[in-house]
Protein backbone atom coordinates (compact mmCIF):
# COMPACT_ATOMS: atom_id res chain seq x y z
CA MET A 1 27.09 34.79 3.46
CA ALA A 2 27.21 34.99 7.24
CA MET A 3 25.27 38.27 7.17
CA ALA A 4 22.66 36.70 4.92
CA HIS A 5 22.18 33.81 7.34
CA ALA A 6 21.96 36.25 10.25
CA TRP A 7 19.35 38.37 8.48
CA ARG A 8 17.22 35.34 7.61
CA ALA A 9 17.31 34.11 11.19
CA ALA A 10 16.41 37.52 12.64
CA ARG A 11 13.33 37.93 10.44
CA VAL A 12 11.80 34.48 11.00
CA THR A 13 9.09 35.38 13.52
CA PRO A 14 8.41 38.99 12.36
CA LEU A 15 7.73 37.72 8.83
CA GLY A 16 5.07 35.42 10.22
CA GLU A 17 3.31 38.51 11.60
CA LEU A 18 3.79 40.74 8.58
CA HIS A 19 2.47 38.12 6.17
CA THR A 20 -0.70 37.68 8.23
CA PRO A 21 -2.58 41.01 8.39
CA ALA A 22 -5.17 39.53 10.73
CA ARG A 23 -2.48 39.05 13.38
CA ILE A 24 -1.40 42.67 13.09
CA THR A 25 -5.00 43.85 13.45
CA GLY A 26 -5.51 41.53 16.41
CA ALA A 27 -2.30 42.71 18.06
CA LEU A 28 -3.34 46.36 17.63
CA LEU A 29 -6.78 45.75 19.11
CA ARG A 30 -5.36 43.72 22.00
CA LEU A 31 -2.76 46.37 22.81
CA THR A 32 -5.37 49.14 22.67
CA VAL A 33 -7.76 47.28 24.96
CA GLN A 34 -4.97 46.44 27.41
CA VAL A 35 -3.84 50.06 27.63
CA VAL A 36 -7.38 51.35 28.11
CA LEU A 37 -8.21 48.77 30.78
CA VAL A 38 -4.96 49.29 32.68
CA TRP A 39 -5.36 53.08 32.55
CA SER A 40 -8.96 52.79 33.81
CA LEU A 41 -7.98 50.38 36.58
CA TRP A 42 -5.23 52.55 38.05
CA GLN A 43 -7.27 55.71 37.68
CA GLY A 44 -9.98 54.00 39.72
CA LEU A 45 -7.55 52.72 42.36
CA TYR A 46 -6.32 56.27 42.98
CA ALA A 47 -9.78 57.82 43.01
CA GLN A 48 -9.77 58.05 46.83
CA THR A 49 -6.08 58.65 47.51
CA ASP A 50 -3.21 60.79 46.25
CA SER A 51 -0.28 58.49 46.98
CA THR A 52 0.26 54.79 47.72
CA ALA A 53 3.50 52.85 48.20
CA GLY A 54 5.47 55.98 47.35
CA LEU A 55 3.75 56.43 43.98
CA ASP A 56 1.22 59.09 43.08
CA ARG A 57 -1.51 58.51 40.49
CA ASP A 58 0.46 59.76 37.48
CA GLN A 59 3.48 57.65 38.42
CA ALA A 60 1.42 54.50 38.92
CA VAL A 61 -0.56 54.95 35.70
CA THR A 62 2.59 55.68 33.72
CA TYR A 63 4.33 52.62 35.17
CA ALA A 64 1.38 50.32 34.45
CA VAL A 65 0.79 51.52 30.88
CA MET A 66 4.48 51.36 29.99
CA ALA A 67 4.63 47.83 31.42
CA VAL A 68 1.90 46.85 28.95
CA LEU A 69 3.84 48.46 26.09
CA ALA A 70 7.06 46.73 27.20
CA LEU A 71 5.38 43.34 26.89
CA ARG A 72 5.22 43.90 23.13
CA LEU A 73 9.01 43.57 22.98
CA ARG A 74 8.75 39.78 23.38
CA GLU A 75 5.13 38.94 22.61
CA LEU A 76 5.33 37.53 19.09
CA ASP A 77 3.48 34.29 18.41
CA GLN A 78 6.19 31.67 17.86
CA TYR A 79 3.68 28.85 18.25
CA ALA A 80 1.93 29.77 15.00
CA GLY A 81 5.20 29.31 13.15
CA ARG A 82 6.01 26.13 15.10
CA ASP A 83 9.36 27.64 15.98
CA THR A 84 9.41 27.31 19.77
CA VAL A 85 11.96 25.10 21.48
CA LEU A 86 9.13 23.18 23.13
CA GLN A 87 7.58 22.34 19.75
CA HIS A 88 10.91 21.43 18.18
CA MET A 89 11.68 19.08 21.04
CA HIS A 90 8.25 17.47 20.82
CA PHE A 91 8.41 16.85 17.06
CA GLY A 92 12.11 16.01 16.97
CA THR A 93 12.94 18.91 14.65
CA ILE A 94 15.34 20.45 17.16
CA VAL A 95 18.05 18.35 15.52
CA TYR A 96 17.96 20.68 12.51
CA TRP A 97 19.17 23.51 14.70
CA TYR A 98 22.42 21.58 14.98
CA LEU A 99 22.68 20.90 11.23
CA ARG A 100 22.32 24.49 10.01
CA PRO A 101 25.25 26.75 9.08
CA LEU A 102 24.48 28.82 12.20
CA PRO A 103 25.09 27.23 15.61
CA PRO A 104 21.85 26.91 17.64
CA GLN A 105 22.83 29.46 20.27
CA ARG A 106 23.53 32.08 17.59
CA TYR A 107 20.33 31.27 15.70
CA TYR A 108 18.33 31.62 18.93
CA ALA A 109 19.99 34.97 19.71
CA LEU A 110 19.45 36.37 16.20
CA ARG A 111 15.82 35.27 16.17
CA ALA A 112 15.25 36.91 19.56
CA LEU A 113 16.93 40.09 18.31
CA GLY A 114 14.60 40.24 15.32
CA GLU A 115 11.58 39.72 17.56
CA GLN A 116 12.67 42.46 19.95
CA LEU A 117 13.35 44.96 17.16
CA TYR A 118 9.90 44.26 15.71
CA GLY A 119 8.36 44.52 19.16
CA LEU A 120 10.29 47.74 19.78
CA ALA A 121 8.55 49.33 16.78
CA TRP A 122 5.19 48.48 18.36
CA ALA A 123 6.25 49.74 21.79
CA LEU A 124 7.59 53.05 20.43
CA MET A 125 4.43 53.59 18.39
CA GLY A 126 2.26 52.92 21.45
CA TYR A 127 4.44 55.13 23.64
CA ALA A 128 4.21 58.03 21.19
CA VAL A 129 0.40 57.77 21.06
CA CYS A 130 0.06 57.46 24.85
CA LEU A 131 2.44 60.38 25.42
CA ALA A 132 0.53 62.59 22.98
CA ALA A 133 -2.77 61.61 24.59
CA GLY A 134 -1.49 62.35 28.10
CA VAL A 135 -1.89 58.74 29.23
CA VAL A 136 1.75 58.55 30.33
CA GLU A 137 3.99 61.25 31.72
CA PRO A 138 7.29 62.20 30.03
CA PRO A 139 10.57 61.66 31.92
CA GLU A 140 11.52 64.44 34.33
CA SER A 141 14.75 65.27 32.52
CA ALA A 142 17.09 64.22 29.74
CA ALA A 143 19.29 62.48 32.32
CA VAL A 144 16.36 60.37 33.52
CA ALA A 145 15.50 59.50 29.92
CA ALA A 146 19.09 58.45 29.18
CA VAL A 147 19.35 56.30 32.31
CA PHE A 148 15.98 54.73 31.53
CA VAL A 149 17.06 53.79 28.00
CA LEU A 150 20.28 52.24 29.28
CA SER A 151 18.46 50.39 32.06
CA MET A 152 15.79 49.19 29.63
CA LEU A 153 18.48 47.85 27.30
CA LEU A 154 20.11 45.95 30.15
CA GLY A 155 16.68 44.78 31.32
CA GLN A 156 15.84 43.33 27.91
CA TRP A 157 19.23 41.65 27.86
CA VAL A 158 18.48 40.04 31.21
CA LEU A 159 15.01 39.07 29.96
CA TYR A 160 16.54 37.40 26.91
CA TYR A 161 18.66 35.18 29.14
CA VAL A 162 15.77 34.46 31.51
CA MET A 163 13.58 33.33 28.61
CA LEU A 164 16.51 31.35 27.21
CA VAL A 165 16.89 29.47 30.49
CA ILE A 166 13.16 28.66 30.42
CA ASP A 167 13.48 27.36 26.86
CA GLN A 168 16.62 25.39 27.71
CA LEU A 169 14.65 23.49 30.34
CA CYS A 170 12.91 21.77 27.41
CA PHE A 171 16.12 19.83 26.77
CA PHE A 172 16.00 18.25 30.22
CA THR A 173 12.30 17.43 30.71
CA LEU A 174 9.82 15.45 28.61
CA ARG A 175 6.52 17.17 29.44
CA ASN A 176 7.04 20.72 30.61
CA GLY A 177 4.35 22.84 28.92
CA ALA A 178 2.57 23.56 32.22
CA ALA A 179 5.87 24.19 34.00
CA MET A 180 6.86 26.73 31.36
CA LEU A 181 3.56 28.58 31.74
CA ILE A 182 4.11 28.74 35.50
CA LEU A 183 7.66 30.01 35.04
CA ILE A 184 6.57 32.69 32.59
CA PHE A 185 3.82 33.81 34.99
CA ALA A 186 6.34 33.94 37.86
CA GLN A 187 8.74 35.92 35.69
CA ASN A 188 6.07 38.49 34.84
CA LEU A 189 4.88 38.72 38.46
CA LEU A 190 8.37 39.18 39.91
CA ALA A 191 9.35 41.56 37.13
CA GLY A 192 6.55 43.96 38.07
CA VAL A 193 4.51 43.46 34.91
CA TYR A 194 1.16 43.03 36.67
CA ALA A 195 1.81 45.66 39.34
CA PRO A 196 4.81 47.66 40.60
CA LEU A 197 6.79 45.67 43.14
CA TRP A 198 6.49 48.58 45.57
CA PHE A 199 2.88 47.51 46.25
CA PHE A 200 3.92 44.05 47.46
CA PRO A 201 4.87 43.13 51.07
CA ASP A 202 8.41 43.80 52.24
CA TRP A 203 9.30 40.09 52.31
CA PHE A 204 8.23 39.77 48.68
CA ILE A 205 10.37 42.74 47.63
CA THR A 206 13.34 41.35 49.58
CA LEU A 207 12.94 37.94 47.94
CA SER A 208 12.72 39.42 44.46
CA GLY A 209 15.95 41.30 45.12
CA PHE A 210 17.84 38.00 45.06
CA LEU A 211 16.36 37.05 41.68
CA PRO A 212 17.00 38.52 38.21
CA PHE A 213 13.35 39.15 37.34
CA GLN A 214 12.93 42.68 38.70
CA ALA A 215 16.00 43.75 36.71
CA THR A 216 14.07 43.09 33.50
CA LEU A 217 11.30 45.65 33.92
CA ASN A 218 10.70 46.94 37.45
CA VAL A 219 14.06 48.72 37.66
CA PRO A 220 13.82 50.56 34.29
CA LEU A 221 10.25 51.69 34.87
CA SER A 222 10.95 52.70 38.48
CA LEU A 223 13.78 54.89 37.19
CA TYR A 224 11.48 56.39 34.57
CA VAL A 225 8.70 57.36 36.99
CA GLY A 226 11.15 58.56 39.66
CA ARG A 227 10.49 55.86 42.25
CA ILE A 228 14.22 55.11 42.09
CA PRO A 229 16.14 58.41 42.17
CA LEU A 230 19.06 59.15 39.85
CA SER A 231 21.43 59.01 42.83
CA GLU A 232 20.75 55.25 43.07
CA ALA A 233 20.77 54.57 39.35
CA GLY A 234 24.44 53.57 39.25
CA ALA A 235 23.98 50.76 41.74
CA GLU A 236 20.85 49.49 39.95
CA LEU A 237 22.61 49.50 36.58
CA ALA A 238 25.53 47.61 38.08
CA VAL A 239 23.18 44.92 39.42
CA GLN A 240 21.56 44.59 36.01
CA ALA A 241 24.95 44.26 34.33
CA ALA A 242 26.00 41.63 36.88
CA TRP A 243 22.89 39.58 36.08
CA VAL A 244 23.68 39.80 32.37
CA VAL A 245 27.16 38.37 32.94
CA ALA A 246 26.00 35.67 35.36
CA LEU A 247 23.14 34.50 33.14
CA ALA A 248 25.34 34.58 30.03
CA LEU A 249 27.79 32.19 31.67
CA PHE A 250 25.00 29.96 33.00
CA THR A 251 23.19 29.67 29.65
CA ARG A 252 26.47 28.96 27.87
CA LEU A 253 26.94 25.98 30.17
CA LEU A 254 23.36 24.84 29.54
CA TRP A 255 23.86 25.00 25.76
CA ARG A 256 26.78 22.60 26.05
CA ARG A 257 24.82 20.18 28.18
CA ALA A 258 21.74 20.47 25.96
CA ALA A 259 23.69 19.45 22.86
CA ARG A 260 24.45 16.10 24.47
CA ARG A 261 20.75 15.34 24.87
CA VAL A 262 19.55 16.07 21.34
CA ILE A 263 17.88 13.13 19.58
CA SER A 264 16.18 12.99 16.19
CA GLN A 265 12.87 11.36 17.15
CA GLY A 266 10.84 13.33 19.66
CA GLY A 267 11.92 15.31 22.72
């Protein structure tokens, strides 16, 4: 019975996509356009130079394209299914999370796992196509590939907790739609989604080092393209693991406090 509940929770958002072919077509077109535009942009930026910020053209293009693919891991449309925390708080339906057989924190985790596994299928498909087309470079060695996979796993774990914290803010504020958009933008910027952090000023890189965001994406991709050498991989992985533990403890505390604020009529 517990496994059945877990399976149903994990497939909530992916089913919304699979039962709407138009969304799948739209997602494919959007991903294709994003990859083409990003590839064209970075090819153009390196037209007059061989290396910038310690990255050559192939490294920069590979980083940027893989950042686009990585976004698919958590890019499912929860709003269409009215299953976001913000929507549940607004309509008062968040109370049902506390009446189900699954506790809310486990339901949230299982749903996120289902989304990431579905997104992983998209990312792997896109990676295979880009690799075959020569858009991205393969890892230098099997060791680099293994470290990248481990770092990416830790990065997605950190990202899960970062997004959870953003969602948990809905329990403590009444009107926070704009604030959440700003936080998500800041998360993507500091994670290196829009551009590798190596292109930013030194003060910006130093500041981001005290925050968990770069551990979500910048570190794994920097390991993949060789901007962070294997000799420093151990320290980077340790920092990622430390953020996982710290954020896990913090979000556990927030879940307890959030439960005290749940009401049945509106957020």
